[in-house]
Protein backbone atom coordinates (compact mmCIF):
# COMPACT_ATOMS: atom_id res chain seq x y z
CA UNK A 1 -11.85 -26.51 -10.05
CA UNK A 2 -10.34 -23.80 -11.85
CA UNK A 3 -6.85 -23.97 -13.28
CA UNK A 4 -4.24 -22.04 -11.51
CA UNK A 5 -3.35 -19.98 -14.51
CA UNK A 6 -6.84 -18.75 -14.76
CA UNK A 7 -6.95 -18.03 -10.83
CA UNK A 8 -3.92 -15.68 -11.34
CA UNK A 9 -5.83 -14.13 -14.34
CA UNK A 10 -8.88 -13.61 -12.43
CA UNK A 11 -6.71 -11.86 -9.36
CA UNK A 12 -5.01 -9.92 -11.88
CA UNK A 13 -8.28 -8.33 -13.46
CA UNK A 14 -9.24 -8.08 -9.63
CA UNK A 15 -6.19 -5.83 -8.84
CA UNK A 16 -6.46 -3.85 -11.87
CA UNK A 17 -10.03 -3.05 -11.41
CA UNK A 18 -9.02 -2.07 -7.71
CA UNK A 19 -6.20 -0.05 -9.15
CA UNK A 20 -8.43 1.76 -11.50
CA UNK A 21 -11.05 2.45 -8.52
CA UNK A 22 -8.60 4.01 -6.44
CA UNK A 23 -7.24 6.19 -9.64
CA UNK A 24 -10.88 7.56 -10.01
CA UNK A 25 -11.46 8.44 -6.32
CA UNK A 26 -7.91 10.07 -6.19
CA UNK A 27 -9.01 12.25 -9.10
CA UNK A 28 -12.36 13.04 -7.54
CA UNK A 29 -10.54 13.90 -4.05
CA UNK A 30 -8.49 16.20 -5.99
CA UNK A 31 -11.17 18.11 -7.89
CA UNK A 32 -13.06 18.57 -4.47
CA UNK A 33 -10.05 19.72 -2.53
CA UNK A 34 -9.78 16.65 -0.08
CA UNK A 35 -6.17 16.63 -0.31
CA UNK A 36 -5.13 14.71 2.38
CA UNK A 37 -7.27 11.88 1.32
CA UNK A 38 -5.75 12.29 -2.12
CA UNK A 39 -2.44 12.01 -0.97
CA UNK A 40 -2.92 8.84 0.98
CA UNK A 41 -4.53 7.23 -2.20
CA UNK A 42 -1.38 8.41 -4.19
CA UNK A 43 0.66 6.47 -1.62
CA UNK A 44 -1.45 3.54 -1.50
CA UNK A 45 -1.48 3.03 -5.53
CA UNK A 46 2.50 3.76 -5.71
CA UNK A 47 2.51 0.75 -2.74
CA UNK A 48 0.09 -1.48 -4.37
CA UNK A 49 1.65 -0.84 -7.59
CA UNK A 50 5.61 -1.23 -7.01
CA UNK A 51 6.82 -5.11 -7.90
CA UNK A 52 9.94 -4.64 -6.14
CA UNK A 53 9.70 -6.26 -2.80
CA UNK A 54 12.50 -4.55 -1.18
CA UNK A 55 11.31 -1.17 -2.19
CA UNK A 56 7.75 -2.21 -1.41
CA UNK A 57 8.75 -3.00 2.63
CA UNK A 58 10.65 -0.21 2.94
CA UNK A 59 7.87 2.09 1.33
CA UNK A 60 5.67 0.31 3.76
CA UNK A 61 7.65 1.50 6.87
CA UNK A 62 7.49 4.84 5.43
CA UNK A 63 3.57 4.92 5.05
CA UNK A 64 3.37 3.62 8.55
CA UNK A 65 5.37 6.28 10.16
CA UNK A 66 3.94 9.02 7.97
CA UNK A 67 0.23 7.75 8.82
CA UNK A 68 0.42 6.02 11.94
CA UNK A 69 3.17 6.82 14.21
CA UNK A 70 2.15 5.02 17.08
CA UNK A 71 1.94 1.97 15.06
CA UNK A 72 5.55 2.39 13.68
CA UNK A 73 7.18 2.57 16.91
CA UNK A 74 5.49 -0.96 17.74
CA UNK A 75 6.86 -2.05 14.78
CA UNK A 76 10.35 -0.68 15.19
CA UNK A 77 10.48 -2.10 18.68
CA UNK A 78 9.63 -5.29 17.35
CA UNK A 79 11.90 -5.16 14.82
CA UNK A 80 14.71 -4.03 17.14
CA UNK A 81 13.79 -7.03 19.34
CA UNK A 82 14.13 -9.80 16.41
CA UNK A 83 17.18 -8.60 15.81
CA UNK A 84 18.40 -8.91 19.14
CA UNK A 85 18.83 -4.93 19.59
CA UNK A 86 16.97 -3.80 22.89
């Protein structure tokens, strides 16, 4: 069994590779004028590279509102019910 420190290092390598892949794909989208996809990748890269959990949660809701408005309404209704606001 791997040591937890080794596992964490492996996870960080995978995360870095994932971000690098998205950045490469973002560059390709811009070069080929696929600007909507490029914007989505840009937003995803920002989300994935953010360490501030409070900002990340707020940014997540902004992204859902922007790209999936129907799902955003479900989240807002669920959050309202959870907070006792119906």
